[in-house]
Amino acid sequence: MNEAQKKKRNFRARKVWKLFKAKKKKECGGIDLITLHKLGKRWELHHEDLREENYEVLNDNFLPCNSMTHEFLHWLFRYYVKDEAIIDRIKAEMQKMKEINQ
């Protein structure tokens, strides 16, 4: 674990973060706002602002989501910033799979 990761871990252990996370969960009604499913026990509060210097800025740039949604968002973002059309290709593949499996 590098120093930046340790700093983030320590911040997430602080009371201010835990209270903020609980507040965001209450605001969304305990729902993953991407899948619209109930937040599980291991849900995440996704930082939409990925800049290191803003990690501890608690504002509206957070999204409550389940851990798999959180992983997916970070995975997709790495490609999306370079190629927004990835969304179209994913949607086409999802449509094809839906048709095949009906």
Protein backbone atom coordinates (compact mmCIF):
# COMPACT_ATOMS: atom_id res chain seq x y z
CA MET A 1 0.00 0.00 0.00
CA ASN A 2 1.51 3.34 -1.03
CA GLU A 3 1.28 6.59 0.93
CA ALA A 4 -1.71 7.93 -1.04
CA GLN A 5 -3.65 4.71 -0.40
CA LYS A 6 -2.80 4.87 3.31
CA LYS A 7 -3.98 8.47 3.47
CA LYS A 8 -7.30 7.54 1.82
CA ARG A 9 -7.75 4.56 4.13
CA ASN A 10 -7.12 6.73 7.18
CA PHE A 11 -9.59 9.34 5.95
CA ARG A 12 -12.29 6.69 5.44
CA ALA A 13 -11.73 5.55 9.05
CA ARG A 14 -12.54 9.02 10.43
CA LYS A 15 -15.88 9.87 11.99
CA VAL A 16 -16.50 12.76 9.56
CA TRP A 17 -16.39 10.30 6.63
CA LYS A 18 -18.60 7.74 8.34
CA LEU A 19 -21.21 10.38 9.17
CA PHE A 20 -21.10 11.77 5.63
CA LYS A 21 -21.45 8.27 4.15
CA ALA A 22 -24.47 7.56 6.38
CA LYS A 23 -26.03 10.87 5.33
CA LYS A 24 -25.59 10.05 1.63
CA LYS A 25 -27.16 6.61 2.16
CA LYS A 26 -30.18 8.19 3.80
CA GLU A 27 -30.51 10.77 1.00
CA CYS A 28 -30.69 8.06 -1.68
CA GLY A 29 -33.11 5.93 0.30
CA GLY A 30 -30.61 3.08 0.62
CA ILE A 31 -30.66 2.46 -3.14
CA ASP A 32 -27.78 1.94 -5.61
CA LEU A 33 -28.56 4.83 -7.95
CA ILE A 34 -27.25 2.98 -11.02
CA THR A 35 -28.93 -0.42 -10.62
CA LEU A 36 -31.82 0.83 -8.45
CA HIS A 37 -31.29 -2.15 -6.15
CA LYS A 38 -30.98 -1.97 -2.38
CA LEU A 39 -27.52 -1.10 -1.08
CA GLY A 40 -25.88 -4.18 0.39
CA LYS A 41 -23.79 -4.43 3.54
CA ARG A 42 -20.57 -3.65 1.65
CA TRP A 43 -21.82 -0.69 -0.37
CA GLU A 44 -19.47 2.07 -1.51
CA LEU A 45 -19.68 5.84 -1.64
CA HIS A 46 -18.14 6.50 -5.04
CA HIS A 47 -15.98 9.60 -5.43
CA GLU A 48 -16.97 11.15 -8.76
CA ASP A 49 -14.13 13.68 -8.46
CA LEU A 50 -11.02 11.51 -8.88
CA ARG A 51 -8.49 14.27 -8.35
CA GLU A 52 -6.22 13.40 -5.44
CA GLU A 53 -6.35 16.90 -3.96
CA ASN A 54 -10.16 16.70 -3.67
CA TYR A 55 -10.40 13.28 -2.01
CA GLU A 56 -11.41 14.75 1.35
CA VAL A 57 -13.79 17.40 -0.05
CA LEU A 58 -17.25 16.28 1.06
CA ASN A 59 -19.83 17.71 -1.34
CA ASP A 60 -22.39 16.51 -3.88
CA ASN A 61 -19.80 14.68 -6.02
CA PHE A 62 -20.52 11.25 -4.54
CA LEU A 63 -22.68 8.34 -5.64
CA PRO A 64 -23.92 5.60 -3.31
CA CYS A 65 -23.58 2.24 -5.06
CA ASN A 66 -22.93 -1.43 -4.48
CA SER A 67 -19.38 -2.71 -4.76
CA MET A 68 -19.80 -4.29 -8.21
CA THR A 69 -21.33 -1.08 -9.56
CA HIS A 70 -18.42 0.84 -8.06
CA GLU A 71 -15.85 -1.42 -9.72
CA PHE A 72 -17.72 -1.17 -13.02
CA LEU A 73 -17.79 2.64 -12.92
CA HIS A 74 -14.04 2.83 -12.39
CA TRP A 75 -13.40 0.23 -15.09
CA LEU A 76 -15.63 1.97 -17.63
CA PHE A 77 -14.32 5.46 -16.85
CA ARG A 78 -10.76 4.47 -17.81
CA TYR A 79 -11.99 3.72 -21.34
CA TYR A 80 -14.77 6.34 -21.55
CA VAL A 81 -12.43 9.32 -21.10
CA LYS A 82 -10.55 8.24 -24.23
CA ASP A 83 -13.52 6.90 -26.24
CA GLU A 84 -17.09 7.88 -25.35
CA ALA A 85 -18.44 5.56 -28.06
CA ILE A 86 -17.65 2.62 -25.78
CA ILE A 87 -21.13 3.18 -24.32
CA ASP A 88 -22.72 2.59 -27.73
CA ARG A 89 -20.76 -0.62 -28.25
CA ILE A 90 -21.67 -1.90 -24.80
CA LYS A 91 -25.34 -1.07 -25.38
CA ALA A 92 -25.30 -2.90 -28.73
CA GLU A 93 -23.76 -5.97 -27.10
CA MET A 94 -26.31 -5.90 -24.27
CA GLN A 95 -29.14 -5.67 -26.82
CA LYS A 96 -27.73 -8.61 -28.78
CA MET A 97 -27.39 -10.72 -25.63
CA LYS A 98 -30.94 -9.81 -24.59
CA GLU A 99 -32.32 -10.90 -27.96
CA ILE A 100 -30.33 -14.16 -27.98
CA ASN A 101 -31.44 -15.04 -24.46
CA GLN A 102 -35.14 -14.29 -24.72
